[in-house]
N, C-alpha and C. Protein backbone atom coordinates (compact mmCIF):
# COMPACT_ATOMS: atom_id res chain seq x y z
N MET A 1 4.89 275.05 286.20
CA MET A 1 4.42 273.73 285.74
C MET A 1 5.51 273.43 284.29
N ASN A 2 5.99 272.18 284.12
CA ASN A 2 6.64 271.66 283.05
C ASN A 2 5.96 271.31 282.15
N ILE A 3 6.30 271.66 280.54
CA ILE A 3 5.59 271.16 279.53
C ILE A 3 6.25 269.64 279.33
N ASN A 4 5.11 268.55 279.15
CA ASN A 4 5.67 267.66 278.98
C ASN A 4 5.75 267.48 277.06
N ASP A 5 7.03 267.29 276.85
CA ASP A 5 7.21 267.15 275.29
C ASP A 5 6.72 266.36 274.66
N ALA A 6 6.56 265.22 275.11
CA ALA A 6 6.29 263.89 274.31
C ALA A 6 4.62 263.92 274.11
N LEU A 7 3.90 264.50 274.80
CA LEU A 7 2.65 264.36 275.18
C LEU A 7 2.22 266.16 274.21
N LEU A 8 2.93 266.80 274.23
CA LEU A 8 3.07 268.18 272.89
C LEU A 8 3.10 267.78 271.60
N ALA A 9 4.24 266.84 271.45
CA ALA A 9 4.73 266.31 269.95
C ALA A 9 3.44 265.90 269.77
N GLN A 10 2.91 264.34 270.21
CA GLN A 10 2.09 264.00 270.45
C GLN A 10 0.61 264.63 269.43
N THR A 11 0.08 265.78 270.42
CA THR A 11 -0.99 266.33 270.11
C THR A 11 -0.56 266.86 268.66
N ILE A 12 0.24 267.58 268.24
CA ILE A 12 0.87 268.54 267.49
C ILE A 12 0.69 267.20 266.20
N LEU A 13 1.30 265.87 266.78
CA LEU A 13 0.97 265.02 265.47
C LEU A 13 -0.34 264.87 264.92
N ASN A 14 -0.99 264.54 265.91
CA ASN A 14 -2.34 264.20 265.75
C ASN A 14 -3.44 265.05 264.82
N ALA A 15 -3.04 266.29 265.31
CA ALA A 15 -4.00 267.45 264.74
C ALA A 15 -3.15 267.30 263.58
N ALA A 16 -1.79 267.43 263.29
CA ALA A 16 -1.41 267.30 261.77
C ALA A 16 -1.97 266.22 260.69
N ARG A 17 -1.48 265.39 261.67
CA ARG A 17 -2.12 263.88 260.93
C ARG A 17 -3.51 264.30 260.08
N GLY A 18 -4.68 264.83 260.76
CA GLY A 18 -6.02 265.35 260.51
C GLY A 18 -5.94 265.75 259.20
N ALA A 19 -5.35 266.94 259.65
CA ALA A 19 -4.99 267.91 258.61
C ALA A 19 -4.74 267.26 257.46
N ALA A 20 -3.62 266.75 257.35
CA ALA A 20 -2.70 265.81 256.22
C ALA A 20 -4.01 264.95 255.08
N GLY A 21 -4.83 264.19 256.29
CA GLY A 21 -5.54 263.32 255.31
C GLY A 21 -5.03 261.94 254.74
N SER A 22 -5.22 262.17 253.87
CA SER A 22 -4.74 260.69 252.87
C SER A 22 -3.13 260.81 252.41
N GLU A 23 -3.08 262.27 252.78
CA GLU A 23 -1.44 262.42 252.52
C GLU A 23 -0.85 262.09 253.50
N TRP A 24 -1.44 262.11 254.67
CA TRP A 24 -0.21 261.65 255.79
C TRP A 24 0.74 260.37 255.70
N LYS A 25 0.59 259.69 255.13
CA LYS A 25 1.71 258.59 254.32
C LYS A 25 2.75 259.04 253.73
N SER A 26 2.83 259.76 252.97
CA SER A 26 3.51 260.51 252.46
C SER A 26 4.63 261.52 252.89
N VAL A 27 3.80 262.27 254.06
CA VAL A 27 4.30 263.28 254.87
C VAL A 27 4.96 262.98 255.97
N ALA A 28 4.55 261.76 256.77
CA ALA A 28 4.90 261.44 257.81
C ALA A 28 6.21 261.35 258.02
N PRO A 29 6.88 260.87 257.34
CA PRO A 29 8.59 260.13 258.19
C PRO A 29 9.28 261.92 258.44
N PHE A 30 8.84 263.22 257.35
CA PHE A 30 9.33 264.46 257.63
C PHE A 30 8.28 264.95 258.61
N ALA A 31 7.31 265.04 258.89
CA ALA A 31 6.29 265.47 259.82
C ALA A 31 6.59 265.44 261.36
N VAL A 32 6.87 264.14 261.34
CA VAL A 32 7.11 263.46 262.95
C VAL A 32 8.32 263.82 263.24
N VAL A 33 9.41 264.35 262.55
CA VAL A 33 10.64 264.76 262.79
C VAL A 33 10.35 266.10 263.30
N GLU A 34 9.63 266.87 262.51
CA GLU A 34 9.54 268.37 262.87
C GLU A 34 8.98 268.62 263.47
N MET A 35 8.14 267.74 264.07
CA MET A 35 6.65 268.33 264.67
C MET A 35 7.16 268.21 266.40
N ARG A 36 8.13 266.98 266.64
CA ARG A 36 8.91 266.66 267.61
C ARG A 36 9.88 268.23 268.22
N LYS A 37 10.61 268.10 266.98
CA LYS A 37 11.79 269.46 267.33
C LYS A 37 10.64 270.90 267.64
N LEU A 38 9.59 270.89 267.18
CA LEU A 38 8.80 271.84 267.62
C LEU A 38 8.64 271.72 269.13
N ALA A 39 7.59 270.76 269.73
CA ALA A 39 7.57 270.05 270.96
C ALA A 39 8.70 270.66 271.65
N ARG A 40 9.76 269.93 271.04
CA ARG A 40 11.07 269.83 272.24
C ARG A 40 11.46 271.45 272.62
N THR A 41 11.56 272.29 271.16
CA THR A 41 11.61 274.07 271.33
C THR A 41 10.37 274.54 272.39
N VAL A 42 9.57 273.86 272.26
CA VAL A 42 8.79 274.70 273.15
C VAL A 42 9.02 274.57 274.65
N GLY A 43 9.30 273.21 274.92
CA GLY A 43 9.96 272.47 275.93
C GLY A 43 11.49 273.30 276.76
N ASP A 44 11.39 273.81 276.06
CA ASP A 44 13.02 274.31 276.14
C ASP A 44 12.68 275.99 275.94
N ILE A 45 11.87 276.18 275.77
CA ILE A 45 11.54 277.86 275.98
C ILE A 45 10.90 277.74 277.08
N GLU A 46 9.85 276.88 277.67
CA GLU A 46 9.38 276.93 279.10
C GLU A 46 10.57 277.21 279.94
N ALA A 47 11.67 275.78 280.06
CA ALA A 47 12.54 276.48 280.67
C ALA A 47 13.44 277.38 280.91
N LEU A 48 13.88 277.85 279.69
CA LEU A 48 14.45 278.97 279.86
C LEU A 48 13.64 280.28 280.22
N LEU A 49 12.34 280.21 279.99
CA LEU A 49 11.99 281.12 280.78
C LEU A 49 11.57 281.39 282.16
N ARG A 50 11.71 280.12 282.32
CA ARG A 50 11.50 279.76 284.08
C ARG A 50 12.62 280.11 284.88
N ARG A 51 13.46 279.83 284.22
CA ARG A 51 15.20 280.59 284.84
C ARG A 51 15.40 281.95 284.40
N GLY A 52 14.79 282.29 283.72
CA GLY A 52 15.08 283.69 283.67
C GLY A 52 16.10 284.21 282.37
N VAL A 53 16.46 282.90 281.79
CA VAL A 53 17.64 282.84 280.62
C VAL A 53 16.80 284.00 279.67
N ILE A 54 16.17 283.96 279.16
CA ILE A 54 15.69 284.57 278.05
C ILE A 54 14.08 285.39 278.61
N ASP A 55 13.49 286.70 277.57
CA ASP A 55 12.14 287.01 277.97
C ASP A 55 11.40 286.50 276.88
N GLY A 56 9.76 287.07 277.23
CA GLY A 56 9.05 286.86 276.35
C GLY A 56 9.42 287.52 274.82
N GLU A 57 10.08 287.89 274.40
CA GLU A 57 10.01 288.46 273.07
C GLU A 57 11.39 287.33 272.61
N ARG A 58 12.51 287.01 273.35
CA ARG A 58 13.67 285.90 272.95
C ARG A 58 12.57 284.64 272.60
N ALA A 59 11.30 284.86 273.44
CA ALA A 59 10.98 282.95 273.09
C ALA A 59 10.11 283.37 272.18
N LEU A 60 9.55 284.02 271.72
CA LEU A 60 8.81 284.39 270.15
C LEU A 60 9.78 284.11 269.57
N GLN A 61 10.60 285.19 269.27
CA GLN A 61 11.96 284.60 268.46
C GLN A 61 12.50 283.37 268.23
N LEU A 62 12.74 282.75 269.58
CA LEU A 62 13.19 281.28 268.93
C LEU A 62 12.04 280.34 268.56
N PHE A 63 11.24 280.41 268.82
CA PHE A 63 9.83 279.75 268.45
C PHE A 63 9.56 279.89 266.58
N GLU A 64 9.72 281.39 266.71
CA GLU A 64 9.67 281.36 265.10
C GLU A 64 10.76 281.13 264.24
N LEU A 65 11.66 281.11 264.72
CA LEU A 65 12.76 280.06 264.27
C LEU A 65 12.72 278.78 263.68
N GLN A 66 12.20 278.05 265.13
CA GLN A 66 11.94 276.64 264.66
C GLN A 66 11.02 276.06 263.39
N GLN A 67 9.87 277.20 264.21
CA GLN A 67 8.42 276.85 263.40
C GLN A 67 9.01 277.54 261.59
N ARG A 68 9.45 278.24 261.45
CA ARG A 68 9.69 278.42 260.26
C ARG A 68 11.07 277.14 259.66
N ALA A 69 11.90 276.82 260.36
CA ALA A 69 12.45 275.84 259.90
C ALA A 69 11.91 274.39 259.63
N ALA A 70 10.88 274.16 260.30
CA ALA A 70 9.99 273.07 259.78
C ALA A 70 9.09 273.53 258.53
N HIS A 71 8.55 274.57 258.91
CA HIS A 71 7.88 274.82 257.46
C HIS A 71 8.69 274.72 256.66
N GLY A 72 9.83 275.18 256.34
CA GLY A 72 10.71 274.93 255.30
C GLY A 72 10.86 273.04 254.35
N VAL A 73 11.23 272.93 255.50
CA VAL A 73 11.52 270.96 255.16
C VAL A 73 10.34 270.35 255.05
N LEU A 74 9.34 270.77 255.58
CA LEU A 74 7.78 270.23 255.08
C LEU A 74 7.37 270.96 254.02
N ALA A 75 7.57 272.10 253.35
CA ALA A 75 7.15 272.53 251.94
C ALA A 75 8.37 271.77 251.17
N THR A 76 9.38 271.13 251.48
CA THR A 76 10.40 271.10 250.37
C THR A 76 10.42 269.27 250.38
N MET A 77 10.02 269.13 251.20
CA MET A 77 10.08 267.46 251.30
C MET A 77 8.55 266.79 251.19
N THR A 78 7.71 267.61 250.96
CA THR A 78 6.36 267.17 250.63
C THR A 78 6.06 267.50 249.19
N SER A 79 4.70 267.19 248.61
CA SER A 79 4.34 267.31 247.21
C SER A 79 3.59 268.20 247.28
N GLY A 80 3.02 269.07 248.53
CA GLY A 80 1.83 270.12 248.73
C GLY A 80 2.71 271.29 248.66
N GLY A 81 4.24 271.18 248.97
CA GLY A 81 4.66 272.58 249.04
C GLY A 81 4.40 273.33 250.06
N GLU A 82 4.37 275.01 250.33
CA GLU A 82 4.42 275.65 251.03
C GLU A 82 3.21 275.58 251.78
N PRO A 83 1.66 275.45 250.75
CA PRO A 83 0.58 275.73 251.23
C PRO A 83 -0.10 274.76 252.15
N PHE A 84 0.81 273.54 251.88
CA PHE A 84 0.42 272.18 252.31
C PHE A 84 1.00 272.26 253.80
N ALA A 85 2.75 272.57 253.85
CA ALA A 85 3.37 272.54 254.93
C ALA A 85 3.05 273.58 255.94
N ALA A 86 2.21 274.90 255.43
CA ALA A 86 1.57 275.83 256.41
C ALA A 86 0.44 275.38 257.15
N GLN A 87 -0.67 274.71 256.22
CA GLN A 87 -1.96 273.74 256.57
C GLN A 87 -1.45 272.56 257.86
N LEU A 88 -0.25 272.06 257.46
CA LEU A 88 -0.05 271.29 258.71
C LEU A 88 0.35 271.64 260.17
N LEU A 89 1.28 272.69 259.77
CA LEU A 89 1.61 273.40 261.43
C LEU A 89 1.15 274.31 261.83
N THR A 90 0.00 275.02 260.93
CA THR A 90 -1.25 275.51 261.51
C THR A 90 -1.88 274.48 262.18
N ALA A 91 -2.34 273.74 261.49
CA ALA A 91 -2.92 272.58 262.73
C ALA A 91 -2.80 272.53 263.64
N GLY A 92 -1.44 271.79 263.71
CA GLY A 92 -0.50 270.97 265.11
C GLY A 92 -0.28 272.29 265.88
N LEU A 93 0.27 273.44 265.72
CA LEU A 93 0.68 274.53 266.22
C LEU A 93 -1.11 275.08 267.15
N ASN A 94 -2.02 275.10 266.38
CA ASN A 94 -3.14 275.57 266.93
C ASN A 94 -3.96 274.60 267.87
N ALA A 95 -3.44 273.52 267.83
CA ALA A 95 -3.65 272.30 268.74
C ALA A 95 -3.10 272.16 269.74
N ILE A 96 -1.77 272.92 269.99
CA ILE A 96 -1.39 272.83 271.32
C ILE A 96 -1.30 274.50 272.06
N ARG A 97 -2.10 275.21 271.29
CA ARG A 97 -1.78 276.88 271.77
C ARG A 97 -2.13 277.25 272.92
N LEU A 98 -3.40 277.21 273.10
CA LEU A 98 -4.05 276.96 274.50
C LEU A 98 -3.29 276.53 275.94
N ARG A 99 -2.86 275.34 275.47
CA ARG A 99 -1.81 274.35 276.63
C ARG A 99 -0.65 275.03 276.59
N VAL A 100 0.13 275.58 275.98
CA VAL A 100 1.39 276.82 275.80
C VAL A 100 0.95 278.20 276.56
N LEU A 101 0.01 278.44 276.17
CA LEU A 101 -0.50 279.83 276.60
C LEU A 101 -0.53 279.72 278.46
N LYS A 102 -1.00 278.44 278.41
CA LYS A 102 -1.43 278.55 280.18
C LYS A 102 -0.32 278.38 280.93
N THR A 103 0.79 277.40 280.44
CA THR A 103 2.07 276.85 280.95
C THR A 103 2.84 277.47 280.96
N VAL A 104 3.09 278.14 279.49
CA VAL A 104 4.82 278.71 279.59
C VAL A 104 4.08 280.53 279.73
N GLY A 105 2.80 280.75 279.45
CA GLY A 105 2.62 282.26 279.67
C GLY A 105 2.56 283.15 278.34
N ILE A 106 3.02 282.21 277.64
CA ILE A 106 3.31 283.39 276.08
C ILE A 106 2.56 282.74 275.20
N ASP A 107 1.64 283.74 274.11
CA ASP A 107 0.91 282.88 272.81
C ASP A 107 2.03 282.93 272.09
N LEU A 108 2.93 281.80 271.65
CA LEU A 108 3.32 281.65 270.31
C LEU A 108 2.67 281.63 268.92
N LEU A 109 1.34 281.76 269.17
CA LEU A 109 0.47 281.74 267.66
C LEU A 109 -0.06 283.25 268.46
N PRO A 110 0.18 284.43 268.37
CA PRO A 110 -0.62 285.60 268.88
C PRO A 110 -1.88 285.69 268.22
N SER A 111 -1.96 285.88 266.75
CA SER A 111 -2.88 285.85 266.06
C SER A 111 -3.68 284.81 265.14
N GLY A 112 -3.09 283.94 266.01
CA GLY A 112 -3.47 282.16 265.59
C GLY A 112 -3.14 282.02 263.68
N ASP A 113 -2.56 283.66 263.10
CA ASP A 113 -2.63 283.07 261.81
C ASP A 113 -1.85 281.81 261.56
N PRO A 114 -1.64 280.95 260.42
CA PRO A 114 -1.04 280.40 259.44
C PRO A 114 -0.14 280.93 259.42
N VAL A 115 1.00 279.68 259.40
CA VAL A 115 2.67 279.58 259.50
C VAL A 115 2.92 280.74 258.05
N VAL A 116 3.74 282.30 258.20
CA VAL A 116 4.20 282.94 257.40
C VAL A 116 5.11 281.68 256.45
N PRO A 117 4.83 281.73 255.24
CA PRO A 117 5.72 280.81 253.88
C PRO A 117 7.10 281.40 254.17
N VAL A 118 7.83 280.43 254.03
CA VAL A 118 9.63 280.97 254.16
C VAL A 118 9.89 282.06 253.29
N ALA A 119 9.01 282.13 252.05
CA ALA A 119 9.36 282.84 251.34
C ALA A 119 9.20 284.11 251.43
N GLN A 120 8.61 284.29 252.59
CA GLN A 120 8.25 285.79 253.48
C GLN A 120 9.37 285.97 254.36
N PHE A 121 10.00 285.41 254.31
CA PHE A 121 10.79 285.58 255.93
C PHE A 121 12.18 286.05 255.15
N ARG A 122 12.84 286.94 255.66
CA ARG A 122 13.85 287.93 255.43
C ARG A 122 14.63 288.15 256.58
N ALA A 123 15.52 287.18 256.14
CA ALA A 123 16.57 286.98 257.67
C ALA A 123 17.32 288.02 258.71
N GLY A 124 16.44 287.78 259.61
CA GLY A 124 17.13 288.84 260.66
C GLY A 124 16.12 290.05 260.85
N LYS A 125 15.12 290.36 259.38
CA LYS A 125 14.14 291.19 259.34
C LYS A 125 13.02 291.51 260.04
N ASP A 126 12.38 289.74 259.98
CA ASP A 126 11.46 289.70 260.72
C ASP A 126 11.24 289.42 262.10
N LEU A 127 12.62 289.29 262.79
CA LEU A 127 12.87 288.83 264.08
C LEU A 127 12.25 290.11 264.53
C-alpha cells in the first residue's frame, strides 16, 4: 500500500495547528513547508523500503535526519524556540504514527517521545 503524501501532510498540519493554538498564524509559513517535507520523506521511505533499496534501520535514519532538520528550522524561525518546535513536531508526528506503522511497517517514533532538540544532535553519533 502506498502512502498518500498529501493526506499525511494535512494530518500532520492539522495536529500541529492544534498544538500551536493562537501562535499558528506566525508559525504557519514555516510549519507548512517543514511538515510537507516530513510527509514526503515518509512517502519516499515507504517506496524505498518496498523496492528493497533500504532497510528499517536506514529508514529510521533518513526520517530522523528530516525530523531534526524540520525541528531546527522551526526552532530558529519561530519565537517559541526549541520547546515550541518540539511540541509542534511531536503533535504532528504522533497524529500519523499508527498510520505509518500500519502502512510502512516501521514505527518512526518508537517511544512516542518528543523530538530530540537539535542541540542534542551530534552529527553522525546519534545515528
